[in-house]
Amino acid sequence: MLILRTLLLGPAHGHEIARHIQRTTDEVLRLEHGSLYPALHRLERKGFVVAKWETRGSQKRECNYYRLTPLGRRQLAAEESRWNRLAKAIASVMTAAVRA
């Protein structure tokens, strides 16, 4: 879900995705290459993202840029909905009055 959400902001290569997630979570979440790239490949196989080799800006080397597909946007919406329901349920338990 976090990778799809990051790609909602626009195309990005793997390092940019990992850096964005790390920065926006105040370094709580870190995606290592050993888990990031297999996840990106799974998302690509499922049709949620597409990848294209590109050279951008002042870069001298090509990077594989990932983009969210329309199917990926729908998947993200479904995952966010499930996450919001789960977070609400957990919050209900955590804030319930303790019985004496």
PDB file of N, CA and C in Angstrom:
ATOM      1  N   MET A   1       0.826  -1.181   0.000  1.00  0.00           N
ATOM      2  CA  MET A   1       0.000   0.000   0.000  1.00  0.00           C
ATOM      3  C   MET A   1       0.877   1.254   0.000  1.00  0.00           C
ATOM      4  N   LEU A   2       1.977   1.249   0.753  1.00  0.00           N
ATOM      5  CA  LEU A   2       2.823   2.434   0.846  1.00  0.00           C
ATOM      6  C   LEU A   2       3.514   2.740  -0.476  1.00  0.00           C
ATOM      7  N   ILE A   3       3.907   1.706  -1.192  1.00  0.00           N
ATOM      8  CA  ILE A   3       4.533   1.916  -2.500  1.00  0.00           C
ATOM      9  C   ILE A   3       3.511   2.505  -3.465  1.00  0.00           C
ATOM     10  N   LEU A   4       2.318   1.942  -3.504  1.00  0.00           N
ATOM     11  CA  LEU A   4       1.275   2.460  -4.391  1.00  0.00           C
ATOM     12  C   LEU A   4       0.943   3.905  -4.039  1.00  0.00           C
ATOM     13  N   ARG A   5       0.848   4.189  -2.756  1.00  0.00           N
ATOM     14  CA  ARG A   5       0.526   5.552  -2.306  1.00  0.00           C
ATOM     15  C   ARG A   5       1.621   6.530  -2.724  1.00  0.00           C
ATOM     16  N   THR A   6       2.875   6.098  -2.617  1.00  0.00           N
ATOM     17  CA  THR A   6       3.991   6.947  -3.027  1.00  0.00           C
ATOM     18  C   THR A   6       3.922   7.232  -4.522  1.00  0.00           C
ATOM     19  N   LEU A   7       3.601   6.225  -5.316  1.00  0.00           N
ATOM     20  CA  LEU A   7       3.531   6.408  -6.766  1.00  0.00           C
ATOM     21  C   LEU A   7       2.326   7.237  -7.195  1.00  0.00           C
ATOM     22  N   LEU A   8       1.368   7.433  -6.303  1.00  0.00           N
ATOM     23  CA  LEU A   8       0.250   8.324  -6.599  1.00  0.00           C
ATOM     24  C   LEU A   8       0.767   9.752  -6.818  1.00  0.00           C
ATOM     25  N   LEU A   9       1.915  10.078  -6.215  1.00  0.00           N
ATOM     26  CA  LEU A   9       2.524  11.404  -6.365  1.00  0.00           C
ATOM     27  C   LEU A   9       3.180  11.584  -7.724  1.00  0.00           C
ATOM     28  N   GLY A  10       3.459  10.479  -8.407  1.00  0.00           N
ATOM     29  CA  GLY A  10       4.091  10.541  -9.720  1.00  0.00           C
ATOM     30  C   GLY A  10       5.121   9.442  -9.873  1.00  0.00           C
ATOM     31  N   PRO A  11       5.666   9.292 -11.093  1.00  0.00           N
ATOM     32  CA  PRO A  11       6.657   8.248 -11.348  1.00  0.00           C
ATOM     33  C   PRO A  11       7.886   8.421 -10.459  1.00  0.00           C
ATOM     34  N   ALA A  12       8.478   7.297 -10.071  1.00  0.00           N
ATOM     35  CA  ALA A  12       9.676   7.341  -9.227  1.00  0.00           C
ATOM     36  C   ALA A  12      10.473   6.063  -9.419  1.00  0.00           C
ATOM     37  N   HIS A  13      11.781   6.165  -9.210  1.00  0.00           N
ATOM     38  CA  HIS A  13      12.591   4.947  -9.228  1.00  0.00           C
ATOM     39  C   HIS A  13      12.661   4.404  -7.806  1.00  0.00           C
ATOM     40  N   GLY A  14      13.157   3.200  -7.674  1.00  0.00           N
ATOM     41  CA  GLY A  14      13.137   2.503  -6.390  1.00  0.00           C
ATOM     42  C   GLY A  14      13.723   3.287  -5.236  1.00  0.00           C
ATOM     43  N   HIS A  15      14.881   3.907  -5.460  1.00  0.00           N
ATOM     44  CA  HIS A  15      15.530   4.659  -4.379  1.00  0.00           C
ATOM     45  C   HIS A  15      14.659   5.832  -3.937  1.00  0.00           C
ATOM     46  N   GLU A  16      14.007   6.503  -4.892  1.00  0.00           N
ATOM     47  CA  GLU A  16      13.117   7.613  -4.548  1.00  0.00           C
ATOM     48  C   GLU A  16      11.926   7.130  -3.728  1.00  0.00           C
ATOM     49  N   ILE A  17      11.386   5.986  -4.089  1.00  0.00           N
ATOM     50  CA  ILE A  17      10.256   5.418  -3.345  1.00  0.00           C
ATOM     51  C   ILE A  17      10.669   5.134  -1.905  1.00  0.00           C
ATOM     52  N   ALA A  18      11.790   4.451  -1.741  1.00  0.00           N
ATOM     53  CA  ALA A  18      12.278   4.111  -0.398  1.00  0.00           C
ATOM     54  C   ALA A  18      12.556   5.367   0.411  1.00  0.00           C
ATOM     55  N   ARG A  19      13.195   6.359  -0.212  1.00  0.00           N
ATOM     56  CA  ARG A  19      13.544   7.597   0.483  1.00  0.00           C
ATOM     57  C   ARG A  19      12.283   8.353   0.899  1.00  0.00           C
ATOM     58  N   HIS A  20      11.267   8.402   0.025  1.00  0.00           N
ATOM     59  CA  HIS A  20      10.018   9.098   0.358  1.00  0.00           C
ATOM     60  C   HIS A  20       9.335   8.456   1.572  1.00  0.00           C
ATOM     61  N   ILE A  21       9.246   7.137   1.571  1.00  0.00           N
ATOM     62  CA  ILE A  21       8.597   6.441   2.686  1.00  0.00           C
ATOM     63  C   ILE A  21       9.382   6.659   3.975  1.00  0.00           C
ATOM     64  N   GLN A  22      10.684   6.596   3.894  1.00  0.00           N
ATOM     65  CA  GLN A  22      11.522   6.809   5.074  1.00  0.00           C
ATOM     66  C   GLN A  22      11.344   8.233   5.609  1.00  0.00           C
ATOM     67  N   ARG A  23      11.385   9.222   4.711  1.00  0.00           N
ATOM     68  CA  ARG A  23      11.247  10.624   5.128  1.00  0.00           C
ATOM     69  C   ARG A  23       9.878  10.914   5.722  1.00  0.00           C
ATOM     70  N   THR A  24       8.819  10.440   5.068  1.00  0.00           N
ATOM     71  CA  THR A  24       7.472  10.787   5.520  1.00  0.00           C
ATOM     72  C   THR A  24       7.064  10.047   6.789  1.00  0.00           C
ATOM     73  N   THR A  25       7.800   9.022   7.161  1.00  0.00           N
ATOM     74  CA  THR A  25       7.511   8.305   8.411  1.00  0.00           C
ATOM     75  C   THR A  25       8.531   8.648   9.491  1.00  0.00           C
ATOM     76  N   ASP A  26       9.236   9.769   9.309  1.00  0.00           N
ATOM     77  CA  ASP A  26      10.272  10.181  10.270  1.00  0.00           C
ATOM     78  C   ASP A  26      11.246   9.051  10.566  1.00  0.00           C
ATOM     79  N   GLU A  27      11.622   8.327   9.510  1.00  0.00           N
ATOM     80  CA  GLU A  27      12.628   7.266   9.587  1.00  0.00           C
ATOM     81  C   GLU A  27      12.154   6.020  10.346  1.00  0.00           C
ATOM     82  N   VAL A  28      10.865   5.946  10.657  1.00  0.00           N
ATOM     83  CA  VAL A  28      10.340   4.762  11.349  1.00  0.00           C
ATOM     84  C   VAL A  28      10.332   3.571  10.403  1.00  0.00           C
ATOM     85  N   LEU A  29       9.913   3.799   9.167  1.00  0.00           N
ATOM     86  CA  LEU A  29       9.868   2.716   8.180  1.00  0.00           C
ATOM     87  C   LEU A  29      11.007   2.879   7.189  1.00  0.00           C
ATOM     88  N   ARG A  30      11.745   1.794   6.994  1.00  0.00           N
ATOM     89  CA  ARG A  30      12.848   1.778   6.029  1.00  0.00           C
ATOM     90  C   ARG A  30      12.666   0.580   5.115  1.00  0.00           C
ATOM     91  N   LEU A  31      12.665   0.836   3.830  1.00  0.00           N
ATOM     92  CA  LEU A  31      12.548  -0.242   2.852  1.00  0.00           C
ATOM     93  C   LEU A  31      13.938  -0.590   2.344  1.00  0.00           C
ATOM     94  N   GLU A  32      14.366  -1.784   2.620  1.00  0.00           N
ATOM     95  CA  GLU A  32      15.653  -2.253   2.119  1.00  0.00           C
ATOM     96  C   GLU A  32      15.460  -2.764   0.702  1.00  0.00           C
ATOM     97  N   HIS A  33      16.526  -2.717  -0.090  1.00  0.00           N
ATOM     98  CA  HIS A  33      16.442  -3.181  -1.481  1.00  0.00           C
ATOM     99  C   HIS A  33      15.958  -4.621  -1.570  1.00  0.00           C
ATOM    100  N   GLY A  34      16.327  -5.435  -0.599  1.00  0.00           N
ATOM    101  CA  GLY A  34      15.944  -6.846  -0.612  1.00  0.00           C
ATOM    102  C   GLY A  34      14.451  -7.079  -0.474  1.00  0.00           C
ATOM    103  N   SER A  35      13.724  -6.087   0.033  1.00  0.00           N
ATOM    104  CA  SER A  35      12.267  -6.215   0.117  1.00  0.00           C
ATOM    105  C   SER A  35      11.563  -5.285  -0.873  1.00  0.00           C
ATOM    106  N   LEU A  36      12.168  -4.135  -1.173  1.00  0.00           N
ATOM    107  CA  LEU A  36      11.539  -3.166  -2.072  1.00  0.00           C
ATOM    108  C   LEU A  36      11.402  -3.700  -3.495  1.00  0.00           C
ATOM    109  N   TYR A  37      12.497  -4.179  -4.062  1.00  0.00           N
ATOM    110  CA  TYR A  37      12.445  -4.579  -5.470  1.00  0.00           C
ATOM    111  C   TYR A  37      11.597  -5.826  -5.709  1.00  0.00           C
ATOM    112  N   PRO A  38      11.626  -6.825  -4.851  1.00  0.00           N
ATOM    113  CA  PRO A  38      10.678  -7.930  -5.037  1.00  0.00           C
ATOM    114  C   PRO A  38       9.216  -7.450  -4.957  1.00  0.00           C
ATOM    115  N   ALA A  39       8.942  -6.495  -4.058  1.00  0.00           N
ATOM    116  CA  ALA A  39       7.580  -5.953  -3.953  1.00  0.00           C
ATOM    117  C   ALA A  39       7.203  -5.206  -5.233  1.00  0.00           C
ATOM    118  N   LEU A  40       8.126  -4.413  -5.765  1.00  0.00           N
ATOM    119  CA  LEU A  40       7.856  -3.696  -7.016  1.00  0.00           C
ATOM    120  C   LEU A  40       7.601  -4.669  -8.163  1.00  0.00           C
ATOM    121  N   HIS A  41       8.375  -5.740  -8.219  1.00  0.00           N
ATOM    122  CA  HIS A  41       8.178  -6.733  -9.281  1.00  0.00           C
ATOM    123  C   HIS A  41       6.824  -7.434  -9.141  1.00  0.00           C
ATOM    124  N   ARG A  42       6.402  -7.726  -7.902  1.00  0.00           N
ATOM    125  CA  ARG A  42       5.077  -8.329  -7.686  1.00  0.00           C
ATOM    126  C   ARG A  42       3.971  -7.376  -8.144  1.00  0.00           C
ATOM    127  N   LEU A  43       4.118  -6.101  -7.778  1.00  0.00           N
ATOM    128  CA  LEU A  43       3.123  -5.104  -8.182  1.00  0.00           C
ATOM    129  C   LEU A  43       3.072  -4.972  -9.706  1.00  0.00           C
ATOM    130  N   GLU A  44       4.234  -5.086 -10.333  1.00  0.00           N
ATOM    131  CA  GLU A  44       4.286  -5.012 -11.794  1.00  0.00           C
ATOM    132  C   GLU A  44       3.608  -6.236 -12.423  1.00  0.00           C
ATOM    133  N   ARG A  45       3.888  -7.422 -11.889  1.00  0.00           N
ATOM    134  CA  ARG A  45       3.257  -8.642 -12.413  1.00  0.00           C
ATOM    135  C   ARG A  45       1.737  -8.593 -12.287  1.00  0.00           C
ATOM    136  N   LYS A  46       1.243  -7.980 -11.212  1.00  0.00           N
ATOM    137  CA  LYS A  46      -0.202  -7.888 -10.994  1.00  0.00           C
ATOM    138  C   LYS A  46      -0.846  -6.772 -11.816  1.00  0.00           C
ATOM    139  N   GLY A  47      -0.026  -5.965 -12.481  1.00  0.00           N
ATOM    140  CA  GLY A  47      -0.554  -4.888 -13.310  1.00  0.00           C
ATOM    141  C   GLY A  47      -0.848  -3.608 -12.553  1.00  0.00           C
ATOM    142  N   PHE A  48      -0.384  -3.501 -11.313  1.00  0.00           N
ATOM    143  CA  PHE A  48      -0.639  -2.305 -10.503  1.00  0.00           C
ATOM    144  C   PHE A  48       0.336  -1.176 -10.830  1.00  0.00           C
ATOM    145  N   VAL A  49       1.527  -1.529 -11.317  1.00  0.00           N
ATOM    146  CA  VAL A  49       2.521  -0.539 -11.732  1.00  0.00           C
ATOM    147  C   VAL A  49       3.127  -0.983 -13.057  1.00  0.00           C
ATOM    148  N   VAL A  50       3.674  -0.018 -13.780  1.00  0.00           N
ATOM    149  CA  VAL A  50       4.464  -0.311 -14.974  1.00  0.00           C
ATOM    150  C   VAL A  50       5.826   0.342 -14.775  1.00  0.00           C
ATOM    151  N   ALA A  51       6.839  -0.255 -15.385  1.00  0.00           N
ATOM    152  CA  ALA A  51       8.199   0.259 -15.250  1.00  0.00           C
ATOM    153  C   ALA A  51       8.756   0.593 -16.625  1.00  0.00           C
ATOM    154  N   LYS A  52       9.559   1.648 -16.666  1.00  0.00           N
ATOM    155  CA  LYS A  52      10.196   2.049 -17.918  1.00  0.00           C
ATOM    156  C   LYS A  52      11.567   2.635 -17.597  1.00  0.00           C
ATOM    157  N   TRP A  53      12.580   2.177 -18.334  1.00  0.00           N
ATOM    158  CA  TRP A  53      13.931   2.707 -18.157  1.00  0.00           C
ATOM    159  C   TRP A  53      13.994   4.106 -18.754  1.00  0.00           C
ATOM    160  N   GLU A  54      14.478   5.070 -17.952  1.00  0.00           N
ATOM    161  CA  GLU A  54      14.557   6.465 -18.394  1.00  0.00           C
ATOM    162  C   GLU A  54      15.791   7.128 -17.813  1.00  0.00           C
ATOM    163  N   THR A  55      16.231   8.182 -18.500  1.00  0.00           N
ATOM    164  CA  THR A  55      17.261   9.079 -17.978  1.00  0.00           C
ATOM    165  C   THR A  55      16.564  10.403 -17.738  1.00  0.00           C
ATOM    166  N   ARG A  56      16.704  10.954 -16.551  1.00  0.00           N
ATOM    167  CA  ARG A  56      16.015  12.203 -16.221  1.00  0.00           C
ATOM    168  C   ARG A  56      17.003  13.263 -15.772  1.00  0.00           C
ATOM    169  N   GLY A  57      16.700  14.502 -16.091  1.00  0.00           N
ATOM    170  CA  GLY A  57      17.474  15.635 -15.613  1.00  0.00           C
ATOM    171  C   GLY A  57      18.961  15.498 -15.883  1.00  0.00           C
ATOM    172  N   SER A  58      19.743  15.728 -14.849  1.00  0.00           N
ATOM    173  CA  SER A  58      21.199  15.695 -14.985  1.00  0.00           C
ATOM    174  C   SER A  58      21.778  14.300 -14.795  1.00  0.00           C
ATOM    175  N   GLN A  59      20.905  13.315 -14.619  1.00  0.00           N
ATOM    176  CA  GLN A  59      21.393  11.945 -14.414  1.00  0.00           C
ATOM    177  C   GLN A  59      22.091  11.443 -15.666  1.00  0.00           C
ATOM    178  N   LYS A  60      23.162  10.740 -15.454  1.00  0.00           N
ATOM    179  CA  LYS A  60      23.918  10.183 -16.574  1.00  0.00           C
ATOM    180  C   LYS A  60      23.581   8.718 -16.808  1.00  0.00           C
ATOM    181  N   ARG A  61      22.833   8.113 -15.895  1.00  0.00           N
ATOM    182  CA  ARG A  61      22.514   6.697 -16.050  1.00  0.00           C
ATOM    183  C   ARG A  61      21.003   6.507 -16.064  1.00  0.00           C
ATOM    184  N   GLU A  62      20.600   5.415 -16.676  1.00  0.00           N
ATOM    185  CA  GLU A  62      19.179   5.102 -16.731  1.00  0.00           C
ATOM    186  C   GLU A  62      18.715   4.491 -15.413  1.00  0.00           C
ATOM    187  N   CYS A  63      17.498   4.830 -15.046  1.00  0.00           N
ATOM    188  CA  CYS A  63      16.854   4.237 -13.871  1.00  0.00           C
ATOM    189  C   CYS A  63      15.504   3.691 -14.311  1.00  0.00           C
ATOM    190  N   ASN A  64      15.053   2.669 -13.629  1.00  0.00           N
ATOM    191  CA  ASN A  64      13.749   2.088 -13.908  1.00  0.00           C
ATOM    192  C   ASN A  64      12.704   2.887 -13.133  1.00  0.00           C
ATOM    193  N   TYR A  65      11.905   3.666 -13.837  1.00  0.00           N
ATOM    194  CA  TYR A  65      10.873   4.482 -13.203  1.00  0.00           C
ATOM    195  C   TYR A  65       9.560   3.717 -13.190  1.00  0.00           C
ATOM    196  N   TYR A  66       8.938   3.693 -12.029  1.00  0.00           N
ATOM    197  CA  TYR A  66       7.676   2.986 -11.838  1.00  0.00           C
ATOM    198  C   TYR A  66       6.539   3.989 -11.839  1.00  0.00           C
ATOM    199  N   ARG A  67       5.428   3.587 -12.467  1.00  0.00           N
ATOM    200  CA  ARG A  67       4.228   4.420 -12.536  1.00  0.00           C
ATOM    201  C   ARG A  67       3.023   3.602 -12.100  1.00  0.00           C
ATOM    202  N   LEU A  68       2.101   4.270 -11.453  1.00  0.00           N
ATOM    203  CA  LEU A  68       0.854   3.642 -11.032  1.00  0.00           C
ATOM    204  C   LEU A  68      -0.071   3.506 -12.243  1.00  0.00           C
ATOM    205  N   THR A  69      -0.687   2.358 -12.400  1.00  0.00           N
ATOM    206  CA  THR A  69      -1.649   2.135 -13.487  1.00  0.00           C
ATOM    207  C   THR A  69      -3.061   2.419 -12.967  1.00  0.00           C
ATOM    208  N   PRO A  70      -4.045   2.524 -13.854  1.00  0.00           N
ATOM    209  CA  PRO A  70      -5.430   2.668 -13.388  1.00  0.00           C
ATOM    210  C   PRO A  70      -5.841   1.513 -12.465  1.00  0.00           C
ATOM    211  N   LEU A  71      -5.414   0.299 -12.787  1.00  0.00           N
ATOM    212  CA  LEU A  71      -5.702  -0.842 -11.914  1.00  0.00           C
ATOM    213  C   LEU A  71      -5.027  -0.655 -10.553  1.00  0.00           C
ATOM    214  N   GLY A  72      -3.817  -0.113 -10.554  1.00  0.00           N
ATOM    215  CA  GLY A  72      -3.104   0.161  -9.306  1.00  0.00           C
ATOM    216  C   GLY A  72      -3.816   1.206  -8.459  1.00  0.00           C
ATOM    217  N   ARG A  73      -4.399   2.202  -9.121  1.00  0.00           N
ATOM    218  CA  ARG A  73      -5.161   3.229  -8.384  1.00  0.00           C
ATOM    219  C   ARG A  73      -6.380   2.607  -7.703  1.00  0.00           C
ATOM    220  N   ARG A  74      -7.051   1.712  -8.416  1.00  0.00           N
ATOM    221  CA  ARG A  74      -8.215   1.037  -7.817  1.00  0.00           C
ATOM    222  C   ARG A  74      -7.777   0.144  -6.659  1.00  0.00           C
ATOM    223  N   GLN A  75      -6.659  -0.544  -6.829  1.00  0.00           N
ATOM    224  CA  GLN A  75      -6.136  -1.393  -5.760  1.00  0.00           C
ATOM    225  C   GLN A  75      -5.782  -0.557  -4.538  1.00  0.00           C
ATOM    226  N   LEU A  76      -5.146   0.586  -4.765  1.00  0.00           N
ATOM    227  CA  LEU A  76      -4.790   1.478  -3.661  1.00  0.00           C
ATOM    228  C   LEU A  76      -6.042   1.934  -2.917  1.00  0.00           C
ATOM    229  N   ALA A  77      -7.079   2.311  -3.642  1.00  0.00           N
ATOM    230  CA  ALA A  77      -8.329   2.746  -3.001  1.00  0.00           C
ATOM    231  C   ALA A  77      -8.908   1.630  -2.141  1.00  0.00           C
ATOM    232  N   ALA A  78      -8.888   0.403  -2.645  1.00  0.00           N
ATOM    233  CA  ALA A  78      -9.411  -0.736  -1.878  1.00  0.00           C
ATOM    234  C   ALA A  78      -8.568  -0.988  -0.635  1.00  0.00           C
ATOM    235  N   GLU A  79      -7.237  -0.935  -0.779  1.00  0.00           N
ATOM    236  CA  GLU A  79      -6.356  -1.173   0.365  1.00  0.00           C
ATOM    237  C   GLU A  79      -6.490  -0.073   1.410  1.00  0.00           C
ATOM    238  N   GLU A  80      -6.622   1.179   0.965  1.00  0.00           N
ATOM    239  CA  GLU A  80      -6.796   2.281   1.914  1.00  0.00           C
ATOM    240  C   GLU A  80      -8.110   2.138   2.673  1.00  0.00           C
ATOM    241  N   SER A  81      -9.151   1.694   1.998  1.00  0.00           N
ATOM    242  CA  SER A  81     -10.443   1.485   2.647  1.00  0.00           C
ATOM    243  C   SER A  81     -10.330   0.410   3.732  1.00  0.00           C
ATOM    244  N   ARG A  82      -9.682  -0.707   3.389  1.00  0.00           N
ATOM    245  CA  ARG A  82      -9.484  -1.774   4.388  1.00  0.00           C
ATOM    246  C   ARG A  82      -8.638  -1.271   5.554  1.00  0.00           C
ATOM    247  N   TRP A  83      -7.581  -0.527   5.254  1.00  0.00           N
ATOM    248  CA  TRP A  83      -6.704  -0.002   6.302  1.00  0.00           C
ATOM    249  C   TRP A  83      -7.482   0.940   7.228  1.00  0.00           C
ATOM    250  N   ASN A  84      -8.288   1.822   6.667  1.00  0.00           N
ATOM    251  CA  ASN A  84      -9.058   2.764   7.482  1.00  0.00           C
ATOM    252  C   ASN A  84     -10.041   2.038   8.397  1.00  0.00           C
ATOM    253  N   ARG A  85     -10.683   0.985   7.889  1.00  0.00           N
ATOM    254  CA  ARG A  85     -11.600   0.201   8.735  1.00  0.00           C
ATOM    255  C   ARG A  85     -10.833  -0.479   9.864  1.00  0.00           C
ATOM    256  N   LEU A  86      -9.686  -1.048   9.549  1.00  0.00           N
ATOM    257  CA  LEU A  86      -8.865  -1.715  10.557  1.00  0.00           C
ATOM    258  C   LEU A  86      -8.368  -0.721  11.606  1.00  0.00           C
ATOM    259  N   ALA A  87      -7.871   0.434  11.161  1.00  0.00           N
ATOM    260  CA  ALA A  87      -7.369   1.446  12.094  1.00  0.00           C
ATOM    261  C   ALA A  87      -8.484   1.940  13.017  1.00  0.00           C
ATOM    262  N   LYS A  88      -9.686   2.103  12.466  1.00  0.00           N
ATOM    263  CA  LYS A  88     -10.825   2.541  13.278  1.00  0.00           C
ATOM    264  C   LYS A  88     -11.186   1.482  14.318  1.00  0.00           C
ATOM    265  N   ALA A  89     -11.179   0.216  13.911  1.00  0.00           N
ATOM    266  CA  ALA A  89     -11.496  -0.870  14.847  1.00  0.00           C
ATOM    267  C   ALA A  89     -10.462  -0.946  15.966  1.00  0.00           C
ATOM    268  N   ILE A  90      -9.195  -0.821  15.618  1.00  0.00           N
ATOM    269  CA  ILE A  90      -8.132  -0.863  16.630  1.00  0.00           C
ATOM    270  C   ILE A  90      -8.264   0.323  17.574  1.00  0.00           C
ATOM    271  N   ALA A  91      -8.534   1.515  17.029  1.00  0.00           N
ATOM    272  CA  ALA A  91      -8.704   2.701  17.869  1.00  0.00           C
ATOM    273  C   ALA A  91      -9.867   2.527  18.835  1.00  0.00           C
ATOM    274  N   SER A  92     -10.928   1.879  18.390  1.00  0.00           N
ATOM    275  CA  SER A  92     -12.079   1.638  19.272  1.00  0.00           C
ATOM    276  C   SER A  92     -11.687   0.785  20.469  1.00  0.00           C
ATOM    277  N   VAL A  93     -10.901  -0.237  20.222  1.00  0.00           N
ATOM    278  CA  VAL A  93     -10.456  -1.104  21.317  1.00  0.00           C
ATOM    279  C   VAL A  93      -9.497  -0.353  22.233  1.00  0.00           C
ATOM    280  N   MET A  94      -8.585   0.399  21.648  1.00  0.00           N
ATOM    281  CA  MET A  94      -7.567   1.087  22.442  1.00  0.00           C
ATOM    282  C   MET A  94      -8.146   2.209  23.296  1.00  0.00           C
ATOM    283  N   THR A  95      -9.259   2.793  22.872  1.00  0.00           N
ATOM    284  CA  THR A  95      -9.829   3.908  23.628  1.00  0.00           C
ATOM    285  C   THR A  95     -11.058   3.516  24.444  1.00  0.00           C
ATOM    286  N   ALA A  96     -11.433   2.256  24.411  1.00  0.00           N
ATOM    287  CA  ALA A  96     -12.591   1.798  25.183  1.00  0.00           C
ATOM    288  C   ALA A  96     -12.309   1.944  26.677  1.00  0.00           C
ATOM    289  N   ALA A  97     -13.345   2.265  27.401  1.00  0.00           N
ATOM    290  CA  ALA A  97     -13.208   2.395  28.853  1.00  0.00           C
ATOM    291  C   ALA A  97     -12.855   1.041  29.454  1.00  0.00           C
ATOM    292  N   VAL A  98     -11.962   1.067  30.409  1.00  0.00           N
ATOM    293  CA  VAL A  98     -11.555  -0.164  31.094  1.00  0.00           C
ATOM    294  C   VAL A  98     -12.580  -0.463  32.177  1.00  0.00           C
ATOM    295  N   ARG A  99     -13.056  -1.704  32.205  1.00  0.00           N
ATOM    296  CA  ARG A  99     -14.031  -2.100  33.231  1.00  0.00           C
ATOM    297  C   ARG A  99     -13.297  -2.477  34.509  1.00  0.00           C
ATOM    298  N   ALA A 100     -13.842  -2.025  35.610  1.00  0.00           N
ATOM    299  CA  ALA A 100     -13.204  -2.306  36.907  1.00  0.00           C
ATOM    300  C   ALA A 100     -13.574  -3.664  37.423  1.00  0.00           C
TER     301      ALA A 100
END
